Amino acid sequence: MIANLSLLLAAGALIGAGVYLILDRAMTKMMLGLMLAGNGANLLILLAGGKAGSPPIMGRDSVLHGEQISDPLAQAMILTAIVISMAMTAFILTLAFRQYGYRTADLIEDDSEDTAIAKRPPTASAAPDHDASNDPETGRATSVGDSFGPRSFEQPLQSEEDGDSRS
């Protein structure tokens, strides 16, 4: 099989740019990176499908290719990948819109709970199955208990017409 070098380079560039954007902290750049990497993977599947040919329907020959048919598996896999990437893009857009309702910043920050868990001592009393919250400064377990629930969530941003929810 002879592969087209320009299509291989384009697929490599798409996947490379996609991976670079996925590693960024902005959600819109992550979404764009997933879309680019998915399109690069689709291009690689197309190249792996082999030479062009007649439509993969019995009895349909083209003047250009004769009885040599194209691979229908590669076409079906690309169509399926397009549908999946469209659904994933819609889901990520929904997440970005929901995040914008809480914070206007697009950046994803480090989680303070992850930092506290990393600082937790390896003793059995500090295990997460005990009902004790972590002190955010020291990372050690306290006897205050968990403070999760609606009171600990951020309030959504409201427009100026609705009134300021931060006052």
N, C-alpha and C. Protein backbone atom coordinates (compact mmCIF):
# COMPACT_ATOMS: atom_id res chain seq x y z
N MET A 1 0.84 -1.18 0.00
CA MET A 1 0.00 0.00 0.00
C MET A 1 0.89 1.24 0.00
N ILE A 2 0.55 2.20 -0.83
CA ILE A 2 1.30 3.45 -0.91
C ILE A 2 0.46 4.54 -0.25
N ALA A 3 1.02 5.17 0.79
CA ALA A 3 0.30 6.22 1.52
C ALA A 3 0.68 7.58 0.96
N ASN A 4 -0.24 8.50 1.03
CA ASN A 4 -0.01 9.86 0.58
C ASN A 4 0.73 10.60 1.70
N LEU A 5 1.92 11.08 1.41
CA LEU A 5 2.76 11.72 2.43
C LEU A 5 2.13 13.01 2.94
N SER A 6 1.52 13.78 2.07
CA SER A 6 0.93 15.05 2.51
C SER A 6 -0.24 14.80 3.47
N LEU A 7 -1.03 13.75 3.22
CA LEU A 7 -2.13 13.44 4.14
C LEU A 7 -1.60 12.92 5.47
N LEU A 8 -0.51 12.15 5.44
CA LEU A 8 0.10 11.68 6.69
C LEU A 8 0.65 12.85 7.50
N LEU A 9 1.28 13.80 6.83
CA LEU A 9 1.80 14.98 7.54
C LEU A 9 0.65 15.83 8.09
N ALA A 10 -0.44 15.93 7.34
CA ALA A 10 -1.60 16.69 7.83
C ALA A 10 -2.21 16.01 9.05
N ALA A 11 -2.31 14.68 9.01
CA ALA A 11 -2.85 13.95 10.16
C ALA A 11 -1.94 14.11 11.37
N GLY A 12 -0.63 14.03 11.17
CA GLY A 12 0.31 14.22 12.27
C GLY A 12 0.23 15.63 12.85
N ALA A 13 0.09 16.62 11.97
CA ALA A 13 -0.02 18.00 12.44
C ALA A 13 -1.31 18.21 13.22
N LEU A 14 -2.42 17.64 12.75
CA LEU A 14 -3.69 17.77 13.47
C LEU A 14 -3.63 17.12 14.84
N ILE A 15 -3.07 15.92 14.89
CA ILE A 15 -2.99 15.22 16.18
C ILE A 15 -2.01 15.93 17.12
N GLY A 16 -0.89 16.41 16.60
CA GLY A 16 0.07 17.14 17.43
C GLY A 16 -0.51 18.43 17.99
N ALA A 17 -1.19 19.19 17.12
CA ALA A 17 -1.82 20.44 17.59
C ALA A 17 -2.94 20.13 18.59
N GLY A 18 -3.68 19.03 18.35
CA GLY A 18 -4.74 18.65 19.27
C GLY A 18 -4.21 18.28 20.64
N VAL A 19 -3.14 17.52 20.69
CA VAL A 19 -2.55 17.14 21.98
C VAL A 19 -2.03 18.37 22.71
N TYR A 20 -1.42 19.29 21.97
CA TYR A 20 -0.91 20.53 22.59
C TYR A 20 -2.06 21.33 23.21
N LEU A 21 -3.18 21.42 22.50
CA LEU A 21 -4.31 22.19 23.02
C LEU A 21 -5.02 21.47 24.16
N ILE A 22 -5.04 20.14 24.14
CA ILE A 22 -5.68 19.39 25.23
C ILE A 22 -4.93 19.62 26.54
N LEU A 23 -3.62 19.83 26.48
CA LEU A 23 -2.82 20.02 27.69
C LEU A 23 -2.96 21.42 28.28
N ASP A 24 -3.69 22.32 27.62
CA ASP A 24 -3.91 23.67 28.14
C ASP A 24 -4.99 23.63 29.21
N ARG A 25 -5.08 24.68 30.03
CA ARG A 25 -6.06 24.71 31.11
C ARG A 25 -7.37 25.38 30.73
N ALA A 26 -7.45 26.01 29.59
CA ALA A 26 -8.69 26.65 29.17
C ALA A 26 -9.60 25.60 28.54
N MET A 27 -10.87 25.59 28.97
CA MET A 27 -11.79 24.55 28.51
C MET A 27 -12.07 24.65 27.02
N THR A 28 -12.15 25.87 26.48
CA THR A 28 -12.41 26.00 25.05
C THR A 28 -11.22 25.49 24.23
N LYS A 29 -10.01 25.69 24.72
CA LYS A 29 -8.84 25.16 24.01
C LYS A 29 -8.81 23.63 24.10
N MET A 30 -9.23 23.08 25.24
CA MET A 30 -9.31 21.63 25.36
C MET A 30 -10.31 21.06 24.36
N MET A 31 -11.45 21.73 24.22
CA MET A 31 -12.47 21.27 23.28
C MET A 31 -11.93 21.32 21.85
N LEU A 32 -11.28 22.41 21.50
CA LEU A 32 -10.71 22.54 20.17
C LEU A 32 -9.63 21.47 19.94
N GLY A 33 -8.84 21.18 20.96
CA GLY A 33 -7.82 20.14 20.85
C GLY A 33 -8.43 18.76 20.62
N LEU A 34 -9.53 18.45 21.33
CA LEU A 34 -10.20 17.17 21.10
C LEU A 34 -10.75 17.07 19.68
N MET A 35 -11.28 18.17 19.19
CA MET A 35 -11.81 18.15 17.83
C MET A 35 -10.68 17.97 16.81
N LEU A 36 -9.56 18.66 17.00
CA LEU A 36 -8.43 18.51 16.08
C LEU A 36 -7.85 17.10 16.12
N ALA A 37 -7.67 16.56 17.32
CA ALA A 37 -7.12 15.20 17.44
C ALA A 37 -8.07 14.17 16.83
N GLY A 38 -9.38 14.38 17.01
CA GLY A 38 -10.35 13.46 16.41
C GLY A 38 -10.33 13.52 14.90
N ASN A 39 -10.20 14.72 14.33
CA ASN A 39 -10.12 14.84 12.87
C ASN A 39 -8.83 14.23 12.34
N GLY A 40 -7.73 14.38 13.08
CA GLY A 40 -6.48 13.74 12.67
C GLY A 40 -6.58 12.22 12.70
N ALA A 41 -7.26 11.68 13.73
CA ALA A 41 -7.45 10.23 13.81
C ALA A 41 -8.35 9.75 12.66
N ASN A 42 -9.37 10.53 12.32
CA ASN A 42 -10.23 10.16 11.18
C ASN A 42 -9.42 10.14 9.88
N LEU A 43 -8.52 11.08 9.72
CA LEU A 43 -7.68 11.11 8.52
C LEU A 43 -6.75 9.90 8.48
N LEU A 44 -6.23 9.49 9.64
CA LEU A 44 -5.40 8.28 9.68
C LEU A 44 -6.21 7.03 9.35
N ILE A 45 -7.45 6.96 9.82
CA ILE A 45 -8.30 5.81 9.49
C ILE A 45 -8.58 5.79 7.99
N LEU A 46 -8.81 6.96 7.40
CA LEU A 46 -9.03 7.04 5.96
C LEU A 46 -7.82 6.56 5.19
N LEU A 47 -6.63 6.96 5.64
CA LEU A 47 -5.41 6.49 4.98
C LEU A 47 -5.20 5.00 5.16
N ALA A 48 -5.59 4.46 6.31
CA ALA A 48 -5.43 3.03 6.55
C ALA A 48 -6.42 2.20 5.74
N GLY A 49 -7.46 2.84 5.22
CA GLY A 49 -8.48 2.13 4.45
C GLY A 49 -8.00 1.67 3.09
N GLY A 50 -6.88 2.14 2.66
CA GLY A 50 -6.34 1.67 1.39
C GLY A 50 -6.66 2.61 0.24
N LYS A 51 -6.50 2.07 -0.97
CA LYS A 51 -6.69 2.86 -2.18
C LYS A 51 -8.16 3.21 -2.37
N ALA A 52 -8.38 4.25 -3.14
CA ALA A 52 -9.75 4.62 -3.51
C ALA A 52 -10.29 3.57 -4.48
N GLY A 53 -11.59 3.46 -4.53
CA GLY A 53 -12.20 2.47 -5.42
C GLY A 53 -13.65 2.79 -5.68
N SER A 54 -14.31 1.85 -6.29
CA SER A 54 -15.73 1.99 -6.57
C SER A 54 -16.51 1.97 -5.28
N PRO A 55 -17.76 2.42 -5.30
CA PRO A 55 -18.57 2.35 -4.08
C PRO A 55 -18.69 0.91 -3.58
N PRO A 56 -18.71 0.70 -2.27
CA PRO A 56 -18.76 -0.66 -1.74
C PRO A 56 -20.18 -1.26 -1.81
N ILE A 57 -20.75 -1.27 -3.00
CA ILE A 57 -22.07 -1.85 -3.23
C ILE A 57 -21.91 -2.87 -4.35
N MET A 58 -22.42 -4.07 -4.15
CA MET A 58 -22.29 -5.13 -5.15
C MET A 58 -22.95 -4.70 -6.45
N GLY A 59 -22.23 -4.86 -7.54
CA GLY A 59 -22.78 -4.54 -8.85
C GLY A 59 -22.60 -3.10 -9.27
N ARG A 60 -22.04 -2.24 -8.42
CA ARG A 60 -21.83 -0.83 -8.78
C ARG A 60 -20.36 -0.63 -9.11
N ASP A 61 -20.03 -0.58 -10.34
CA ASP A 61 -18.66 -0.33 -10.78
C ASP A 61 -18.57 1.09 -11.30
N SER A 62 -17.43 1.73 -11.05
CA SER A 62 -17.21 3.06 -11.59
C SER A 62 -16.31 2.94 -12.82
N VAL A 63 -16.36 3.93 -13.67
CA VAL A 63 -15.54 3.92 -14.87
C VAL A 63 -14.06 4.02 -14.51
N LEU A 64 -13.75 4.80 -13.48
CA LEU A 64 -12.36 5.04 -13.12
C LEU A 64 -11.71 3.83 -12.45
N HIS A 65 -12.43 3.15 -11.53
CA HIS A 65 -11.82 2.10 -10.72
C HIS A 65 -12.23 0.69 -11.12
N GLY A 66 -13.25 0.52 -11.91
CA GLY A 66 -13.66 -0.81 -12.34
C GLY A 66 -14.21 -1.63 -11.19
N GLU A 67 -13.73 -2.86 -11.04
CA GLU A 67 -14.24 -3.75 -9.99
C GLU A 67 -13.51 -3.60 -8.66
N GLN A 68 -12.51 -2.76 -8.58
CA GLN A 68 -11.78 -2.55 -7.32
C GLN A 68 -12.63 -1.65 -6.42
N ILE A 69 -13.12 -2.21 -5.32
CA ILE A 69 -14.00 -1.43 -4.43
C ILE A 69 -13.18 -0.84 -3.28
N SER A 70 -13.70 0.23 -2.72
CA SER A 70 -13.04 0.83 -1.55
C SER A 70 -13.44 0.06 -0.30
N ASP A 71 -12.68 0.25 0.77
CA ASP A 71 -12.91 -0.48 2.02
C ASP A 71 -14.09 0.15 2.77
N PRO A 72 -15.19 -0.58 2.94
CA PRO A 72 -16.35 0.01 3.63
C PRO A 72 -16.15 0.12 5.14
N LEU A 73 -15.24 -0.67 5.73
CA LEU A 73 -15.03 -0.62 7.17
C LEU A 73 -14.44 0.72 7.60
N ALA A 74 -13.48 1.22 6.86
CA ALA A 74 -12.89 2.52 7.19
C ALA A 74 -13.93 3.63 7.10
N GLN A 75 -14.78 3.57 6.10
CA GLN A 75 -15.82 4.58 5.95
C GLN A 75 -16.82 4.53 7.11
N ALA A 76 -17.20 3.32 7.51
CA ALA A 76 -18.14 3.18 8.62
C ALA A 76 -17.53 3.65 9.93
N MET A 77 -16.25 3.35 10.13
CA MET A 77 -15.59 3.79 11.37
C MET A 77 -15.47 5.31 11.42
N ILE A 78 -15.18 5.94 10.28
CA ILE A 78 -15.07 7.40 10.26
C ILE A 78 -16.43 8.04 10.51
N LEU A 79 -17.48 7.51 9.91
CA LEU A 79 -18.82 8.06 10.16
C LEU A 79 -19.22 7.92 11.62
N THR A 80 -18.89 6.79 12.23
CA THR A 80 -19.18 6.61 13.65
C THR A 80 -18.36 7.57 14.50
N ALA A 81 -17.10 7.77 14.16
CA ALA A 81 -16.25 8.69 14.92
C ALA A 81 -16.74 10.13 14.79
N ILE A 82 -17.27 10.49 13.64
CA ILE A 82 -17.81 11.85 13.46
C ILE A 82 -19.01 12.07 14.36
N VAL A 83 -19.89 11.08 14.45
CA VAL A 83 -21.07 11.21 15.32
C VAL A 83 -20.65 11.29 16.79
N ILE A 84 -19.70 10.47 17.19
CA ILE A 84 -19.24 10.49 18.58
C ILE A 84 -18.56 11.81 18.90
N SER A 85 -17.73 12.33 18.00
CA SER A 85 -17.06 13.60 18.27
C SER A 85 -18.05 14.76 18.30
N MET A 86 -19.12 14.67 17.51
CA MET A 86 -20.14 15.72 17.57
C MET A 86 -20.86 15.70 18.92
N ALA A 87 -21.17 14.51 19.43
CA ALA A 87 -21.82 14.41 20.73
C ALA A 87 -20.88 14.88 21.84
N MET A 88 -19.59 14.53 21.73
CA MET A 88 -18.64 14.96 22.75
C MET A 88 -18.46 16.48 22.72
N THR A 89 -18.45 17.06 21.54
CA THR A 89 -18.34 18.52 21.42
C THR A 89 -19.55 19.20 22.05
N ALA A 90 -20.75 18.66 21.82
CA ALA A 90 -21.94 19.23 22.44
C ALA A 90 -21.87 19.13 23.96
N PHE A 91 -21.37 18.01 24.48
CA PHE A 91 -21.25 17.83 25.92
C PHE A 91 -20.24 18.81 26.51
N ILE A 92 -19.10 18.99 25.84
CA ILE A 92 -18.07 19.90 26.36
C ILE A 92 -18.56 21.35 26.28
N LEU A 93 -19.30 21.69 25.22
CA LEU A 93 -19.88 23.03 25.14
C LEU A 93 -20.86 23.27 26.28
N THR A 94 -21.62 22.24 26.63
CA THR A 94 -22.55 22.36 27.76
C THR A 94 -21.78 22.57 29.07
N LEU A 95 -20.70 21.82 29.26
CA LEU A 95 -19.88 22.01 30.46
C LEU A 95 -19.28 23.41 30.51
N ALA A 96 -18.80 23.91 29.36
CA ALA A 96 -18.22 25.24 29.33
C ALA A 96 -19.27 26.31 29.63
N PHE A 97 -20.48 26.12 29.11
CA PHE A 97 -21.55 27.08 29.39
C PHE A 97 -21.93 27.07 30.86
N ARG A 98 -22.00 25.88 31.45
CA ARG A 98 -22.33 25.77 32.88
C ARG A 98 -21.23 26.39 33.73
N GLN A 99 -19.98 26.16 33.35
CA GLN A 99 -18.88 26.76 34.10
C GLN A 99 -18.93 28.28 33.98
N TYR A 100 -19.29 28.79 32.82
CA TYR A 100 -19.37 30.24 32.64
C TYR A 100 -20.45 30.84 33.54
N GLY A 101 -21.50 30.06 33.85
CA GLY A 101 -22.53 30.55 34.76
C GLY A 101 -22.03 30.73 36.18
N TYR A 102 -21.03 29.99 36.57
CA TYR A 102 -20.47 30.10 37.91
C TYR A 102 -19.25 31.01 37.97
N ARG A 103 -18.41 30.93 36.96
CA ARG A 103 -17.22 31.77 36.88
C ARG A 103 -17.06 32.21 35.43
N THR A 104 -16.72 33.45 35.24
CA THR A 104 -16.53 33.91 33.87
C THR A 104 -15.16 33.52 33.34
N ALA A 105 -14.25 33.09 34.20
CA ALA A 105 -12.93 32.66 33.75
C ALA A 105 -13.04 31.29 33.11
N ASP A 106 -12.32 31.07 32.03
CA ASP A 106 -12.36 29.82 31.30
C ASP A 106 -11.31 28.83 31.79
N LEU A 107 -10.42 29.28 32.66
CA LEU A 107 -9.33 28.43 33.11
C LEU A 107 -9.80 27.45 34.17
N ILE A 108 -9.27 26.25 34.12
CA ILE A 108 -9.56 25.23 35.12
C ILE A 108 -8.43 25.27 36.13
N GLU A 109 -8.76 25.53 37.39
CA GLU A 109 -7.75 25.70 38.42
C GLU A 109 -7.49 24.39 39.15
N ASP A 110 -6.39 24.36 39.90
CA ASP A 110 -6.09 23.19 40.73
C ASP A 110 -7.14 23.08 41.82
N ASP A 111 -7.47 21.86 42.16
CA ASP A 111 -8.47 21.62 43.18
C ASP A 111 -7.81 21.66 44.56
N SER A 112 -8.38 22.43 45.46
CA SER A 112 -7.80 22.52 46.80
C SER A 112 -7.97 21.21 47.58
N GLU A 113 -9.01 20.45 47.26
CA GLU A 113 -9.18 19.15 47.93
C GLU A 113 -8.09 18.17 47.52
N ASP A 114 -7.67 18.21 46.25
CA ASP A 114 -6.58 17.34 45.83
C ASP A 114 -5.29 17.68 46.56
N THR A 115 -5.04 18.96 46.75
CA THR A 115 -3.85 19.38 47.48
C THR A 115 -3.92 18.92 48.93
N ALA A 116 -5.08 19.02 49.55
CA ALA A 116 -5.23 18.59 50.94
C ALA A 116 -5.07 17.08 51.07
N ILE A 117 -5.58 16.33 50.13
CA ILE A 117 -5.45 14.88 50.18
C ILE A 117 -3.99 14.48 49.98
N ALA A 118 -3.27 15.19 49.13
CA ALA A 118 -1.85 14.88 48.92
C ALA A 118 -1.04 15.16 50.18
N LYS A 119 -1.45 16.15 50.98
CA LYS A 119 -0.72 16.48 52.20
C LYS A 119 -1.14 15.62 53.38
N ARG A 120 -2.19 14.80 53.23
CA ARG A 120 -2.69 13.98 54.33
C ARG A 120 -1.64 12.97 54.76
N PRO A 121 -1.46 12.80 56.06
CA PRO A 121 -0.49 11.80 56.54
C PRO A 121 -0.98 10.39 56.22
N PRO A 122 -0.06 9.44 56.08
CA PRO A 122 -0.46 8.08 55.70
C PRO A 122 -1.01 7.23 56.85
N THR A 123 -1.37 7.83 57.96
CA THR A 123 -1.89 7.05 59.09
C THR A 123 -3.33 6.63 58.81
N ALA A 124 -3.77 5.59 59.51
CA ALA A 124 -5.13 5.07 59.30
C ALA A 124 -6.19 6.05 59.74
N SER A 125 -5.91 6.86 60.74
CA SER A 125 -6.92 7.82 61.22
C SER A 125 -7.15 8.94 60.22
N ALA A 126 -6.22 9.14 59.31
CA ALA A 126 -6.38 10.19 58.30
C ALA A 126 -7.00 9.66 57.01
N ALA A 127 -7.44 8.42 57.00
CA ALA A 127 -8.03 7.83 55.81
C ALA A 127 -9.35 8.52 55.47
N PRO A 128 -9.73 8.54 54.21
CA PRO A 128 -10.94 9.27 53.81
C PRO A 128 -12.24 8.64 54.30
N ASP A 129 -12.20 7.41 54.83
CA ASP A 129 -13.44 6.80 55.30
C ASP A 129 -13.84 7.30 56.69
N HIS A 130 -12.99 8.03 57.36
CA HIS A 130 -13.34 8.62 58.65
C HIS A 130 -14.10 9.91 58.40
N ASP A 131 -15.06 10.21 59.25
CA ASP A 131 -15.86 11.42 59.07
C ASP A 131 -15.15 12.60 59.71
N ALA A 132 -14.17 13.13 59.00
CA ALA A 132 -13.43 14.28 59.50
C ALA A 132 -12.98 15.10 58.29
N SER A 133 -13.13 16.38 58.40
CA SER A 133 -12.69 17.25 57.32
C SER A 133 -11.22 17.61 57.49
N ASN A 134 -10.62 18.03 56.42
CA ASN A 134 -9.22 18.41 56.46
C ASN A 134 -9.10 19.90 56.76
N ASP A 135 -8.08 20.22 57.52
CA ASP A 135 -7.74 21.62 57.73
C ASP A 135 -7.06 22.09 56.44
N PRO A 136 -7.58 23.15 55.78
CA PRO A 136 -7.01 23.53 54.48
C PRO A 136 -5.57 24.03 54.56
N GLU A 137 -5.13 24.47 55.71
CA GLU A 137 -3.76 24.98 55.81
C GLU A 137 -2.76 23.87 56.09
N THR A 138 -3.10 22.95 56.99
CA THR A 138 -2.15 21.90 57.34
C THR A 138 -2.41 20.60 56.62
N GLY A 139 -3.64 20.36 56.16
CA GLY A 139 -3.96 19.10 55.51
C GLY A 139 -4.25 17.98 56.47
N ARG A 140 -4.29 18.26 57.77
CA ARG A 140 -4.54 17.22 58.76
C ARG A 140 -6.03 17.10 59.04
N ALA A 141 -6.44 15.92 59.48
CA ALA A 141 -7.84 15.67 59.76
C ALA A 141 -8.26 16.41 61.02
N THR A 142 -9.46 16.97 60.99
CA THR A 142 -10.03 17.64 62.16
C THR A 142 -11.32 16.95 62.54
N SER A 143 -11.83 17.25 63.71
CA SER A 143 -13.07 16.60 64.16
C SER A 143 -14.30 17.43 63.88
N VAL A 144 -14.20 18.44 63.03
CA VAL A 144 -15.33 19.30 62.75
C VAL A 144 -16.38 18.57 61.93
N GLY A 145 -15.96 17.66 61.08
CA GLY A 145 -16.90 16.94 60.23
C GLY A 145 -16.94 17.56 58.84
N ASP A 146 -17.64 16.90 57.97
CA ASP A 146 -17.72 17.37 56.59
C ASP A 146 -18.68 18.54 56.48
N SER A 147 -18.34 19.48 55.62
CA SER A 147 -19.22 20.62 55.39
C SER A 147 -19.60 20.67 53.92
N PHE A 148 -20.11 19.55 53.41
CA PHE A 148 -20.52 19.50 52.02
C PHE A 148 -22.01 19.72 51.93
N GLY A 149 -22.44 20.15 50.78
CA GLY A 149 -23.86 20.36 50.56
C GLY A 149 -24.11 21.71 49.93
N PRO A 150 -25.35 22.09 49.80
CA PRO A 150 -25.69 23.33 49.10
C PRO A 150 -25.06 24.58 49.70
N ARG A 151 -24.78 24.60 50.99
CA ARG A 151 -24.18 25.79 51.58
C ARG A 151 -22.76 26.00 51.11
N SER A 152 -22.04 24.92 50.75
CA SER A 152 -20.64 25.06 50.38
C SER A 152 -20.46 25.33 48.89
N PHE A 153 -21.53 25.29 48.08
CA PHE A 153 -21.41 25.53 46.65
C PHE A 153 -21.33 27.02 46.36
N GLU A 154 -20.69 27.35 45.25
CA GLU A 154 -20.66 28.74 44.81
C GLU A 154 -22.03 29.12 44.28
N GLN A 155 -22.38 30.36 44.44
CA GLN A 155 -23.63 30.85 43.88
C GLN A 155 -23.40 31.23 42.42
N PRO A 156 -24.37 30.96 41.54
CA PRO A 156 -24.21 31.34 40.13
C PRO A 156 -24.18 32.86 39.98
N LEU A 157 -23.52 33.32 38.95
CA LEU A 157 -23.49 34.74 38.66
C LEU A 157 -24.85 35.17 38.13
N GLN A 158 -25.29 36.35 38.49
CA GLN A 158 -26.56 36.87 37.99
C GLN A 158 -26.29 38.15 37.24
N SER A 159 -27.18 38.46 36.30
CA SER A 159 -27.02 39.70 35.57
C SER A 159 -27.40 40.86 36.47
N GLU A 160 -27.05 42.05 36.05
CA GLU A 160 -27.31 43.23 36.86
C GLU A 160 -28.82 43.50 37.00
N GLU A 161 -29.59 43.02 36.01
CA GLU A 161 -31.04 43.20 36.08
C GLU A 161 -31.63 42.37 37.21
N ASP A 162 -31.08 41.17 37.42
CA ASP A 162 -31.61 40.27 38.45
C ASP A 162 -31.14 40.66 39.85
N GLY A 163 -30.15 41.49 39.95
CA GLY A 163 -29.58 41.83 41.25
C GLY A 163 -28.27 41.14 41.46
N ASP A 164 -27.49 41.61 42.34
CA ASP A 164 -26.17 41.03 42.60
C ASP A 164 -26.31 39.95 43.66
N SER A 165 -25.88 38.71 43.34
CA SER A 165 -26.00 37.61 44.30
C SER A 165 -24.79 37.56 45.22
N ARG A 166 -23.78 38.36 45.00
CA ARG A 166 -22.56 38.32 45.81
C ARG A 166 -22.60 39.32 46.98
N SER A 167 -23.67 40.12 47.09
CA SER A 167 -23.69 41.14 48.14
C SER A 167 -24.16 40.61 49.47
